[in-house]
Amino acid sequence: MSALVEFSMFPTEKTQSKSAFVARVLDIVDKSGLAYQLTPMGTIIEGETVEEVLAVINKAYEELQKDCGRVYSSIKIDWRDGPVGRLGNKVGSVEEKLGRKLRS
């Protein structure tokens, strides 16, 4: 099985720049051992199950709740019965159909 989960998470109060809070979230994602890709607008994590990925996101919530009164998040989930490895394969499949590499 494969679960691709794209999410963004940040406090609604505090400073205009959210990078310090995003860094705290990404520290948890990185230490999870799951494959992930950071993008300018969010992070994509791949795991074998939705539950496995949501557990990482829950830890991130727990981290931000320590000193944030309100946390916003957006989560998209793509679950598929099949092997893990789609994080890179999905882009590769599109590039193959185009016959060229894309900027990513």
PDB file of N, CA and C in Angstrom:
ATOM      1  N   MET A   1       0.836  -1.178   0.000  1.00  0.00           N
ATOM      2  CA  MET A   1       0.000   0.000   0.000  1.00  0.00           C
ATOM      3  C   MET A   1       0.879   1.239   0.000  1.00  0.00           C
ATOM      4  N   SER A   2       0.313   2.320  -0.464  1.00  0.00           N
ATOM      5  CA  SER A   2       1.052   3.578  -0.526  1.00  0.00           C
ATOM      6  C   SER A   2       0.112   4.732  -0.212  1.00  0.00           C
ATOM      7  N   ALA A   3       0.542   5.582   0.693  1.00  0.00           N
ATOM      8  CA  ALA A   3      -0.218   6.785   1.028  1.00  0.00           C
ATOM      9  C   ALA A   3       0.666   7.998   0.778  1.00  0.00           C
ATOM     10  N   LEU A   4       0.224   8.853  -0.138  1.00  0.00           N
ATOM     11  CA  LEU A   4       0.880  10.142  -0.361  1.00  0.00           C
ATOM     12  C   LEU A   4       0.007  11.196   0.311  1.00  0.00           C
ATOM     13  N   VAL A   5       0.598  11.958   1.208  1.00  0.00           N
ATOM     14  CA  VAL A   5      -0.142  12.979   1.930  1.00  0.00           C
ATOM     15  C   VAL A   5       0.577  14.312   1.780  1.00  0.00           C
ATOM     16  N   GLU A   6      -0.123  15.285   1.212  1.00  0.00           N
ATOM     17  CA  GLU A   6       0.427  16.628   1.096  1.00  0.00           C
ATOM     18  C   GLU A   6      -0.240  17.485   2.162  1.00  0.00           C
ATOM     19  N   PHE A   7       0.575  18.203   2.927  1.00  0.00           N
ATOM     20  CA  PHE A   7      -0.007  19.044   3.963  1.00  0.00           C
ATOM     21  C   PHE A   7       0.803  20.311   4.161  1.00  0.00           C
ATOM     22  N   SER A   8       0.135  21.294   4.711  1.00  0.00           N
ATOM     23  CA  SER A   8       0.797  22.498   5.196  1.00  0.00           C
ATOM     24  C   SER A   8       0.226  22.774   6.571  1.00  0.00           C
ATOM     25  N   MET A   9       1.030  23.352   7.451  1.00  0.00           N
ATOM     26  CA  MET A   9       0.620  23.591   8.823  1.00  0.00           C
ATOM     27  C   MET A   9       1.371  24.796   9.358  1.00  0.00           C
ATOM     28  N   PHE A  10       0.636  25.717   9.987  1.00  0.00           N
ATOM     29  CA  PHE A  10       1.275  26.892  10.562  1.00  0.00           C
ATOM     30  C   PHE A  10       0.316  27.569  11.534  1.00  0.00           C
ATOM     31  N   PRO A  11       0.848  28.334  12.487  1.00  0.00           N
ATOM     32  CA  PRO A  11      -0.025  29.068  13.404  1.00  0.00           C
ATOM     33  C   PRO A  11      -0.636  30.271  12.689  1.00  0.00           C
ATOM     34  N   THR A  12      -1.853  30.621  13.086  1.00  0.00           N
ATOM     35  CA  THR A  12      -2.493  31.769  12.451  1.00  0.00           C
ATOM     36  C   THR A  12      -2.092  33.074  13.121  1.00  0.00           C
ATOM     37  N   GLU A  13      -1.621  32.995  14.356  1.00  0.00           N
ATOM     38  CA  GLU A  13      -1.139  34.212  15.008  1.00  0.00           C
ATOM     39  C   GLU A  13       0.389  34.225  14.915  1.00  0.00           C
ATOM     40  N   LYS A  14       1.025  34.964  15.703  1.00  0.00           N
ATOM     41  CA  LYS A  14       2.486  35.101  15.757  1.00  0.00           C
ATOM     42  C   LYS A  14       2.962  36.060  14.676  1.00  0.00           C
ATOM     43  N   THR A  15       4.049  35.751  14.013  1.00  0.00           N
ATOM     44  CA  THR A  15       4.673  36.658  13.049  1.00  0.00           C
ATOM     45  C   THR A  15       4.151  36.434  11.637  1.00  0.00           C
ATOM     46  N   GLN A  16       4.447  37.380  10.759  1.00  0.00           N
ATOM     47  CA  GLN A  16       4.056  37.235   9.357  1.00  0.00           C
ATOM     48  C   GLN A  16       4.803  36.070   8.712  1.00  0.00           C
ATOM     49  N   SER A  17       6.093  35.945   8.985  1.00  0.00           N
ATOM     50  CA  SER A  17       6.881  34.835   8.462  1.00  0.00           C
ATOM     51  C   SER A  17       6.608  33.589   9.298  1.00  0.00           C
ATOM     52  N   LYS A  18       6.382  32.480   8.630  1.00  0.00           N
ATOM     53  CA  LYS A  18       6.063  31.223   9.313  1.00  0.00           C
ATOM     54  C   LYS A  18       7.196  30.212   9.245  1.00  0.00           C
ATOM     55  N   SER A  19       8.350  30.591   8.682  1.00  0.00           N
ATOM     56  CA  SER A  19       9.417  29.613   8.435  1.00  0.00           C
ATOM     57  C   SER A  19       9.959  28.973   9.707  1.00  0.00           C
ATOM     58  N   ALA A  20       9.997  29.687  10.809  1.00  0.00           N
ATOM     59  CA  ALA A  20      10.489  29.092  12.058  1.00  0.00           C
ATOM     60  C   ALA A  20       9.563  27.962  12.517  1.00  0.00           C
ATOM     61  N   PHE A  21       8.262  28.135  12.314  1.00  0.00           N
ATOM     62  CA  PHE A  21       7.300  27.106  12.700  1.00  0.00           C
ATOM     63  C   PHE A  21       7.331  25.947  11.713  1.00  0.00           C
ATOM     64  N   VAL A  22       7.468  26.263  10.433  1.00  0.00           N
ATOM     65  CA  VAL A  22       7.584  25.221   9.413  1.00  0.00           C
ATOM     66  C   VAL A  22       8.839  24.386   9.672  1.00  0.00           C
ATOM     67  N   ALA A  23       9.915  25.020  10.097  1.00  0.00           N
ATOM     68  CA  ALA A  23      11.151  24.289  10.400  1.00  0.00           C
ATOM     69  C   ALA A  23      10.922  23.283  11.532  1.00  0.00           C
ATOM     70  N   ARG A  24      10.156  23.664  12.527  1.00  0.00           N
ATOM     71  CA  ARG A  24       9.856  22.738  13.634  1.00  0.00           C
ATOM     72  C   ARG A  24       9.050  21.541  13.133  1.00  0.00           C
ATOM     73  N   VAL A  25       8.102  21.795  12.249  1.00  0.00           N
ATOM     74  CA  VAL A  25       7.311  20.713  11.670  1.00  0.00           C
ATOM     75  C   VAL A  25       8.199  19.810  10.817  1.00  0.00           C
ATOM     76  N   LEU A  26       9.057  20.400   9.994  1.00  0.00           N
ATOM     77  CA  LEU A  26       9.913  19.611   9.107  1.00  0.00           C
ATOM     78  C   LEU A  26      10.953  18.803   9.869  1.00  0.00           C
ATOM     79  N   ASP A  27      11.348  19.262  11.032  1.00  0.00           N
ATOM     80  CA  ASP A  27      12.257  18.481  11.863  1.00  0.00           C
ATOM     81  C   ASP A  27      11.585  17.156  12.247  1.00  0.00           C
ATOM     82  N   ILE A  28      10.318  17.217  12.579  1.00  0.00           N
ATOM     83  CA  ILE A  28       9.563  16.005  12.935  1.00  0.00           C
ATOM     84  C   ILE A  28       9.399  15.106  11.714  1.00  0.00           C
ATOM     85  N   VAL A  29       9.063  15.700  10.578  1.00  0.00           N
ATOM     86  CA  VAL A  29       8.902  14.921   9.339  1.00  0.00           C
ATOM     87  C   VAL A  29      10.216  14.233   8.979  1.00  0.00           C
ATOM     88  N   ASP A  30      11.308  14.968   9.028  1.00  0.00           N
ATOM     89  CA  ASP A  30      12.618  14.417   8.668  1.00  0.00           C
ATOM     90  C   ASP A  30      13.018  13.271   9.597  1.00  0.00           C
ATOM     91  N   LYS A  31      12.767  13.431  10.875  1.00  0.00           N
ATOM     92  CA  LYS A  31      13.134  12.395  11.855  1.00  0.00           C
ATOM     93  C   LYS A  31      12.213  11.181  11.813  1.00  0.00           C
ATOM     94  N   SER A  32      11.080  11.286  11.107  1.00  0.00           N
ATOM     95  CA  SER A  32      10.137  10.162  11.033  1.00  0.00           C
ATOM     96  C   SER A  32      10.700   8.990  10.238  1.00  0.00           C
ATOM     97  N   GLY A  33      11.645   9.274   9.341  1.00  0.00           N
ATOM     98  CA  GLY A  33      12.202   8.224   8.503  1.00  0.00           C
ATOM     99  C   GLY A  33      11.400   7.969   7.236  1.00  0.00           C
ATOM    100  N   LEU A  34      10.247   8.632   7.091  1.00  0.00           N
ATOM    101  CA  LEU A  34       9.442   8.460   5.882  1.00  0.00           C
ATOM    102  C   LEU A  34       9.995   9.331   4.760  1.00  0.00           C
ATOM    103  N   ALA A  35       9.735   8.916   3.530  1.00  0.00           N
ATOM    104  CA  ALA A  35      10.137   9.717   2.377  1.00  0.00           C
ATOM    105  C   ALA A  35       9.270  10.969   2.343  1.00  0.00           C
ATOM    106  N   TYR A  36       9.886  12.102   1.992  1.00  0.00           N
ATOM    107  CA  TYR A  36       9.118  13.347   1.911  1.00  0.00           C
ATOM    108  C   TYR A  36       9.754  14.287   0.912  1.00  0.00           C
ATOM    109  N   GLN A  37       8.966  15.272   0.513  1.00  0.00           N
ATOM    110  CA  GLN A  37       9.447  16.318  -0.389  1.00  0.00           C
ATOM    111  C   GLN A  37       8.884  17.642   0.102  1.00  0.00           C
ATOM    112  N   LEU A  38       9.764  18.577   0.381  1.00  0.00           N
ATOM    113  CA  LEU A  38       9.366  19.920   0.789  1.00  0.00           C
ATOM    114  C   LEU A  38       9.139  20.762  -0.462  1.00  0.00           C
ATOM    115  N   THR A  39       8.034  21.474  -0.508  1.00  0.00           N
ATOM    116  CA  THR A  39       7.754  22.391  -1.607  1.00  0.00           C
ATOM    117  C   THR A  39       7.530  23.777  -1.002  1.00  0.00           C
ATOM    118  N   PRO A  40       7.501  24.827  -1.807  1.00  0.00           N
ATOM    119  CA  PRO A  40       7.273  26.156  -1.256  1.00  0.00           C
ATOM    120  C   PRO A  40       5.920  26.320  -0.565  1.00  0.00           C
ATOM    121  N   MET A  41       4.952  25.487  -0.907  1.00  0.00           N
ATOM    122  CA  MET A  41       3.603  25.643  -0.365  1.00  0.00           C
ATOM    123  C   MET A  41       3.163  24.514   0.558  1.00  0.00           C
ATOM    124  N   GLY A  42       4.031  23.549   0.809  1.00  0.00           N
ATOM    125  CA  GLY A  42       3.661  22.427   1.666  1.00  0.00           C
ATOM    126  C   GLY A  42       4.702  21.333   1.611  1.00  0.00           C
ATOM    127  N   THR A  43       4.348  20.212   2.213  1.00  0.00           N
ATOM    128  CA  THR A  43       5.238  19.059   2.270  1.00  0.00           C
ATOM    129  C   THR A  43       4.453  17.820   1.879  1.00  0.00           C
ATOM    130  N   ILE A  44       5.075  16.945   1.107  1.00  0.00           N
ATOM    131  CA  ILE A  44       4.467  15.679   0.710  1.00  0.00           C
ATOM    132  C   ILE A  44       5.219  14.569   1.443  1.00  0.00           C
ATOM    133  N   ILE A  45       4.476  13.718   2.136  1.00  0.00           N
ATOM    134  CA  ILE A  45       5.060  12.583   2.853  1.00  0.00           C
ATOM    135  C   ILE A  45       4.488  11.311   2.252  1.00  0.00           C
ATOM    136  N   GLU A  46       5.332  10.282   2.125  1.00  0.00           N
ATOM    137  CA  GLU A  46       4.866   8.987   1.637  1.00  0.00           C
ATOM    138  C   GLU A  46       5.107   7.924   2.693  1.00  0.00           C
ATOM    139  N   GLY A  47       4.080   7.141   2.946  1.00  0.00           N
ATOM    140  CA  GLY A  47       4.189   6.014   3.864  1.00  0.00           C
ATOM    141  C   GLY A  47       3.419   4.832   3.325  1.00  0.00           C
ATOM    142  N   GLU A  48       3.455   3.743   4.051  1.00  0.00           N
ATOM    143  CA  GLU A  48       2.718   2.553   3.624  1.00  0.00           C
ATOM    144  C   GLU A  48       1.230   2.673   3.932  1.00  0.00           C
ATOM    145  N   THR A  49       0.874   3.433   4.986  1.00  0.00           N
ATOM    146  CA  THR A  49      -0.531   3.587   5.349  1.00  0.00           C
ATOM    147  C   THR A  49      -0.836   5.046   5.653  1.00  0.00           C
ATOM    148  N   VAL A  50      -2.104   5.387   5.540  1.00  0.00           N
ATOM    149  CA  VAL A  50      -2.545   6.729   5.899  1.00  0.00           C
ATOM    150  C   VAL A  50      -2.280   6.961   7.393  1.00  0.00           C
ATOM    151  N   GLU A  51      -2.541   5.967   8.202  1.00  0.00           N
ATOM    152  CA  GLU A  51      -2.347   6.095   9.647  1.00  0.00           C
ATOM    153  C   GLU A  51      -0.905   6.434  10.000  1.00  0.00           C
ATOM    154  N   GLU A  52       0.038   5.815   9.300  1.00  0.00           N
ATOM    155  CA  GLU A  52       1.457   6.058   9.541  1.00  0.00           C
ATOM    156  C   GLU A  52       1.814   7.521   9.271  1.00  0.00           C
ATOM    157  N   VAL A  53       1.305   8.067   8.182  1.00  0.00           N
ATOM    158  CA  VAL A  53       1.597   9.452   7.829  1.00  0.00           C
ATOM    159  C   VAL A  53       0.867  10.410   8.766  1.00  0.00           C
ATOM    160  N   LEU A  54      -0.393  10.113   9.083  1.00  0.00           N
ATOM    161  CA  LEU A  54      -1.141  10.988   9.987  1.00  0.00           C
ATOM    162  C   LEU A  54      -0.537  11.025  11.380  1.00  0.00           C
ATOM    163  N   ALA A  55       0.133   9.963  11.793  1.00  0.00           N
ATOM    164  CA  ALA A  55       0.813   9.961  13.089  1.00  0.00           C
ATOM    165  C   ALA A  55       1.927  11.008  13.105  1.00  0.00           C
ATOM    166  N   VAL A  56       2.616  11.176  11.995  1.00  0.00           N
ATOM    167  CA  VAL A  56       3.668  12.194  11.890  1.00  0.00           C
ATOM    168  C   VAL A  56       3.040  13.581  11.957  1.00  0.00           C
ATOM    169  N   ILE A  57       1.944  13.777  11.241  1.00  0.00           N
ATOM    170  CA  ILE A  57       1.262  15.065  11.258  1.00  0.00           C
ATOM    171  C   ILE A  57       0.741  15.379  12.661  1.00  0.00           C
ATOM    172  N   ASN A  58       0.259  14.374  13.360  1.00  0.00           N
ATOM    173  CA  ASN A  58      -0.214  14.578  14.730  1.00  0.00           C
ATOM    174  C   ASN A  58       0.926  15.030  15.647  1.00  0.00           C
ATOM    175  N   LYS A  59       2.098  14.460  15.484  1.00  0.00           N
ATOM    176  CA  LYS A  59       3.256  14.899  16.271  1.00  0.00           C
ATOM    177  C   LYS A  59       3.582  16.364  15.987  1.00  0.00           C
ATOM    178  N   ALA A  60       3.433  16.755  14.732  1.00  0.00           N
ATOM    179  CA  ALA A  60       3.677  18.153  14.365  1.00  0.00           C
ATOM    180  C   ALA A  60       2.658  19.067  15.050  1.00  0.00           C
ATOM    181  N   TYR A  61       1.409  18.654  15.097  1.00  0.00           N
ATOM    182  CA  TYR A  61       0.392  19.422  15.829  1.00  0.00           C
ATOM    183  C   TYR A  61       0.785  19.563  17.289  1.00  0.00           C
ATOM    184  N   GLU A  62       1.184  18.468  17.902  1.00  0.00           N
ATOM    185  CA  GLU A  62       1.572  18.495  19.315  1.00  0.00           C
ATOM    186  C   GLU A  62       2.725  19.468  19.551  1.00  0.00           C
ATOM    187  N   GLU A  63       3.654  19.523  18.610  1.00  0.00           N
ATOM    188  CA  GLU A  63       4.789  20.436  18.727  1.00  0.00           C
ATOM    189  C   GLU A  63       4.332  21.893  18.680  1.00  0.00           C
ATOM    190  N   LEU A  64       3.509  22.242  17.717  1.00  0.00           N
ATOM    191  CA  LEU A  64       3.084  23.635  17.579  1.00  0.00           C
ATOM    192  C   LEU A  64       2.112  24.056  18.677  1.00  0.00           C
ATOM    193  N   GLN A  65       1.349  23.121  19.206  1.00  0.00           N
ATOM    194  CA  GLN A  65       0.402  23.453  20.270  1.00  0.00           C
ATOM    195  C   GLN A  65       1.092  23.860  21.566  1.00  0.00           C
ATOM    196  N   LYS A  66       2.386  23.599  21.672  1.00  0.00           N
ATOM    197  CA  LYS A  66       3.132  23.990  22.875  1.00  0.00           C
ATOM    198  C   LYS A  66       3.116  25.503  23.081  1.00  0.00           C
ATOM    199  N   ASP A  67       3.149  26.264  21.982  1.00  0.00           N
ATOM    200  CA  ASP A  67       3.216  27.721  22.133  1.00  0.00           C
ATOM    201  C   ASP A  67       2.387  28.486  21.093  1.00  0.00           C
ATOM    202  N   CYS A  68       1.468  27.798  20.449  1.00  0.00           N
ATOM    203  CA  CYS A  68       0.594  28.449  19.467  1.00  0.00           C
ATOM    204  C   CYS A  68      -0.864  28.247  19.893  1.00  0.00           C
ATOM    205  N   GLY A  69      -1.628  29.320  19.879  1.00  0.00           N
ATOM    206  CA  GLY A  69      -3.015  29.239  20.295  1.00  0.00           C
ATOM    207  C   GLY A  69      -3.961  28.747  19.214  1.00  0.00           C
ATOM    208  N   ARG A  70      -3.524  28.812  17.963  1.00  0.00           N
ATOM    209  CA  ARG A  70      -4.354  28.363  16.849  1.00  0.00           C
ATOM    210  C   ARG A  70      -3.444  27.896  15.721  1.00  0.00           C
ATOM    211  N   VAL A  71      -3.710  26.699  15.216  1.00  0.00           N
ATOM    212  CA  VAL A  71      -2.894  26.119  14.142  1.00  0.00           C
ATOM    213  C   VAL A  71      -3.811  25.755  12.974  1.00  0.00           C
ATOM    214  N   TYR A  72      -3.453  26.239  11.791  1.00  0.00           N
ATOM    215  CA  TYR A  72      -4.193  25.951  10.564  1.00  0.00           C
ATOM    216  C   TYR A  72      -3.449  24.865   9.794  1.00  0.00           C
ATOM    217  N   SER A  73      -4.211  23.972   9.156  1.00  0.00           N
ATOM    218  CA  SER A  73      -3.569  23.003   8.270  1.00  0.00           C
ATOM    219  C   SER A  73      -4.489  22.669   7.110  1.00  0.00           C
ATOM    220  N   SER A  74      -3.856  22.234   6.059  1.00  0.00           N
ATOM    221  CA  SER A  74      -4.537  21.743   4.870  1.00  0.00           C
ATOM    222  C   SER A  74      -3.909  20.397   4.551  1.00  0.00           C
ATOM    223  N   ILE A  75      -4.753  19.383   4.334  1.00  0.00           N
ATOM    224  CA  ILE A  75      -4.236  18.032   4.113  1.00  0.00           C
ATOM    225  C   ILE A  75      -4.944  17.408   2.915  1.00  0.00           C
ATOM    226  N   LYS A  76      -4.149  16.848   1.993  1.00  0.00           N
ATOM    227  CA  LYS A  76      -4.678  16.074   0.862  1.00  0.00           C
ATOM    228  C   LYS A  76      -4.084  14.673   0.946  1.00  0.00           C
ATOM    229  N   ILE A  77      -4.916  13.662   0.749  1.00  0.00           N
ATOM    230  CA  ILE A  77      -4.473  12.270   0.891  1.00  0.00           C
ATOM    231  C   ILE A  77      -4.768  11.506  -0.396  1.00  0.00           C
ATOM    232  N   ASP A  78      -3.762  10.775  -0.878  1.00  0.00           N
ATOM    233  CA  ASP A  78      -3.916   9.885  -2.026  1.00  0.00           C
ATOM    234  C   ASP A  78      -3.451   8.505  -1.582  1.00  0.00           C
ATOM    235  N   TRP A  79      -4.397   7.619  -1.328  1.00  0.00           N
ATOM    236  CA  TRP A  79      -4.079   6.253  -0.942  1.00  0.00           C
ATOM    237  C   TRP A  79      -4.242   5.360  -2.156  1.00  0.00           C
ATOM    238  N   ARG A  80      -3.332   4.414  -2.293  1.00  0.00           N
ATOM    239  CA  ARG A  80      -3.402   3.482  -3.419  1.00  0.00           C
ATOM    240  C   ARG A  80      -2.918   2.117  -2.983  1.00  0.00           C
ATOM    241  N   ASP A  81      -3.607   1.100  -3.431  1.00  0.00           N
ATOM    242  CA  ASP A  81      -3.176  -0.264  -3.198  1.00  0.00           C
ATOM    243  C   ASP A  81      -2.029  -0.537  -4.164  1.00  0.00           C
ATOM    244  N   GLY A  82      -0.836  -0.574  -3.650  1.00  0.00           N
ATOM    245  CA  GLY A  82       0.337  -0.779  -4.493  1.00  0.00           C
ATOM    246  C   GLY A  82       1.582  -0.428  -3.705  1.00  0.00           C
ATOM    247  N   PRO A  83       2.722  -0.524  -4.337  1.00  0.00           N
ATOM    248  CA  PRO A  83       3.975  -0.316  -3.616  1.00  0.00           C
ATOM    249  C   PRO A  83       4.266   1.155  -3.296  1.00  0.00           C
ATOM    250  N   VAL A  84       5.038   1.337  -2.234  1.00  0.00           N
ATOM    251  CA  VAL A  84       5.565   2.661  -1.894  1.00  0.00           C
ATOM    252  C   VAL A  84       6.581   3.030  -2.968  1.00  0.00           C
ATOM    253  N   GLY A  85       6.770   4.311  -3.214  1.00  0.00           N
ATOM    254  CA  GLY A  85       7.737   4.765  -4.210  1.00  0.00           C
ATOM    255  C   GLY A  85       7.114   5.722  -5.206  1.00  0.00           C
ATOM    256  N   ARG A  86       5.878   6.098  -4.960  1.00  0.00           N
ATOM    257  CA  ARG A  86       5.196   6.973  -5.915  1.00  0.00           C
ATOM    258  C   ARG A  86       5.657   8.416  -5.822  1.00  0.00           C
ATOM    259  N   LEU A  87       6.299   8.792  -4.725  1.00  0.00           N
ATOM    260  CA  LEU A  87       6.737  10.173  -4.553  1.00  0.00           C
ATOM    261  C   LEU A  87       7.580  10.629  -5.744  1.00  0.00           C
ATOM    262  N   GLY A  88       8.488   9.815  -6.181  1.00  0.00           N
ATOM    263  CA  GLY A  88       9.308  10.143  -7.350  1.00  0.00           C
ATOM    264  C   GLY A  88       8.730   9.620  -8.652  1.00  0.00           C
ATOM    265  N   ASN A  89       8.027   8.508  -8.576  1.00  0.00           N
ATOM    266  CA  ASN A  89       7.507   7.879  -9.795  1.00  0.00           C
ATOM    267  C   ASN A  89       6.433   8.702 -10.491  1.00  0.00           C
ATOM    268  N   LYS A  90       5.620   9.433  -9.737  1.00  0.00           N
ATOM    269  CA  LYS A  90       4.537  10.199 -10.362  1.00  0.00           C
ATOM    270  C   LYS A  90       5.105  11.287 -11.283  1.00  0.00           C
ATOM    271  N   VAL A  91       6.127  11.984 -10.828  1.00  0.00           N
ATOM    272  CA  VAL A  91       6.766  13.015 -11.645  1.00  0.00           C
ATOM    273  C   VAL A  91       7.451  12.358 -12.841  1.00  0.00           C
ATOM    274  N   GLY A  92       8.145  11.270 -12.598  1.00  0.00           N
ATOM    275  CA  GLY A  92       8.831  10.557 -13.676  1.00  0.00           C
ATOM    276  C   GLY A  92       7.883  10.083 -14.759  1.00  0.00           C
ATOM    277  N   SER A  93       6.701   9.658 -14.380  1.00  0.00           N
ATOM    278  CA  SER A  93       5.721   9.196 -15.356  1.00  0.00           C
ATOM    279  C   SER A  93       5.271  10.331 -16.280  1.00  0.00           C
ATOM    280  N   VAL A  94       5.059  11.510 -15.715  1.00  0.00           N
ATOM    281  CA  VAL A  94       4.666  12.664 -16.528  1.00  0.00           C
ATOM    282  C   VAL A  94       5.819  13.073 -17.444  1.00  0.00           C
ATOM    283  N   GLU A  95       7.039  13.088 -16.909  1.00  0.00           N
ATOM    284  CA  GLU A  95       8.200  13.454 -17.728  1.00  0.00           C
ATOM    285  C   GLU A  95       8.394  12.466 -18.874  1.00  0.00           C
ATOM    286  N   GLU A  96       8.154  11.204 -18.624  1.00  0.00           N
ATOM    287  CA  GLU A  96       8.288  10.188 -19.664  1.00  0.00           C
ATOM    288  C   GLU A  96       7.292  10.443 -20.797  1.00  0.00           C
ATOM    289  N   LYS A  97       6.076  10.792 -20.438  1.00  0.00           N
ATOM    290  CA  LYS A  97       5.051  11.063 -21.452  1.00  0.00           C
ATOM    291  C   LYS A  97       5.365  12.314 -22.259  1.00  0.00           C
ATOM    292  N   LEU A  98       6.021  13.296 -21.613  1.00  0.00           N
ATOM    293  CA  LEU A  98       6.415  14.514 -22.321  1.00  0.00           C
ATOM    294  C   LEU A  98       7.709  14.332 -23.118  1.00  0.00           C
ATOM    295  N   GLY A  99       8.515  13.356 -22.723  1.00  0.00           N
ATOM    296  CA  GLY A  99       9.791  13.123 -23.385  1.00  0.00           C
ATOM    297  C   GLY A  99      10.862  14.104 -22.954  1.00  0.00           C
ATOM    298  N   ARG A 100      10.684  14.704 -21.772  1.00  0.00           N
ATOM    299  CA  ARG A 100      11.701  15.633 -21.268  1.00  0.00           C
ATOM    300  C   ARG A 100      11.546  15.795 -19.755  1.00  0.00           C
ATOM    301  N   LYS A 101      12.619  16.302 -19.166  1.00  0.00           N
ATOM    302  CA  LYS A 101      12.608  16.595 -17.733  1.00  0.00           C
ATOM    303  C   LYS A 101      11.868  17.905 -17.498  1.00  0.00           C
ATOM    304  N   LEU A 102      11.180  17.981 -16.381  1.00  0.00           N
ATOM    305  CA  LEU A 102      10.505  19.214 -15.971  1.00  0.00           C
ATOM    306  C   LEU A 102      11.263  19.854 -14.816  1.00  0.00           C
ATOM    307  N   ARG A 103      11.067  21.142 -14.657  1.00  0.00           N
ATOM    308  CA  ARG A 103      11.652  21.816 -13.495  1.00  0.00           C
ATOM    309  C   ARG A 103      10.808  21.460 -12.284  1.00  0.00           C
ATOM    310  N   SER A 104      11.441  20.905 -11.271  1.00  0.00           N
ATOM    311  CA  SER A 104      10.697  20.556 -10.063  1.00  0.00           C
ATOM    312  C   SER A 104      11.550  20.753  -8.841  1.00  0.00           C
TER     313      SER A 104
END
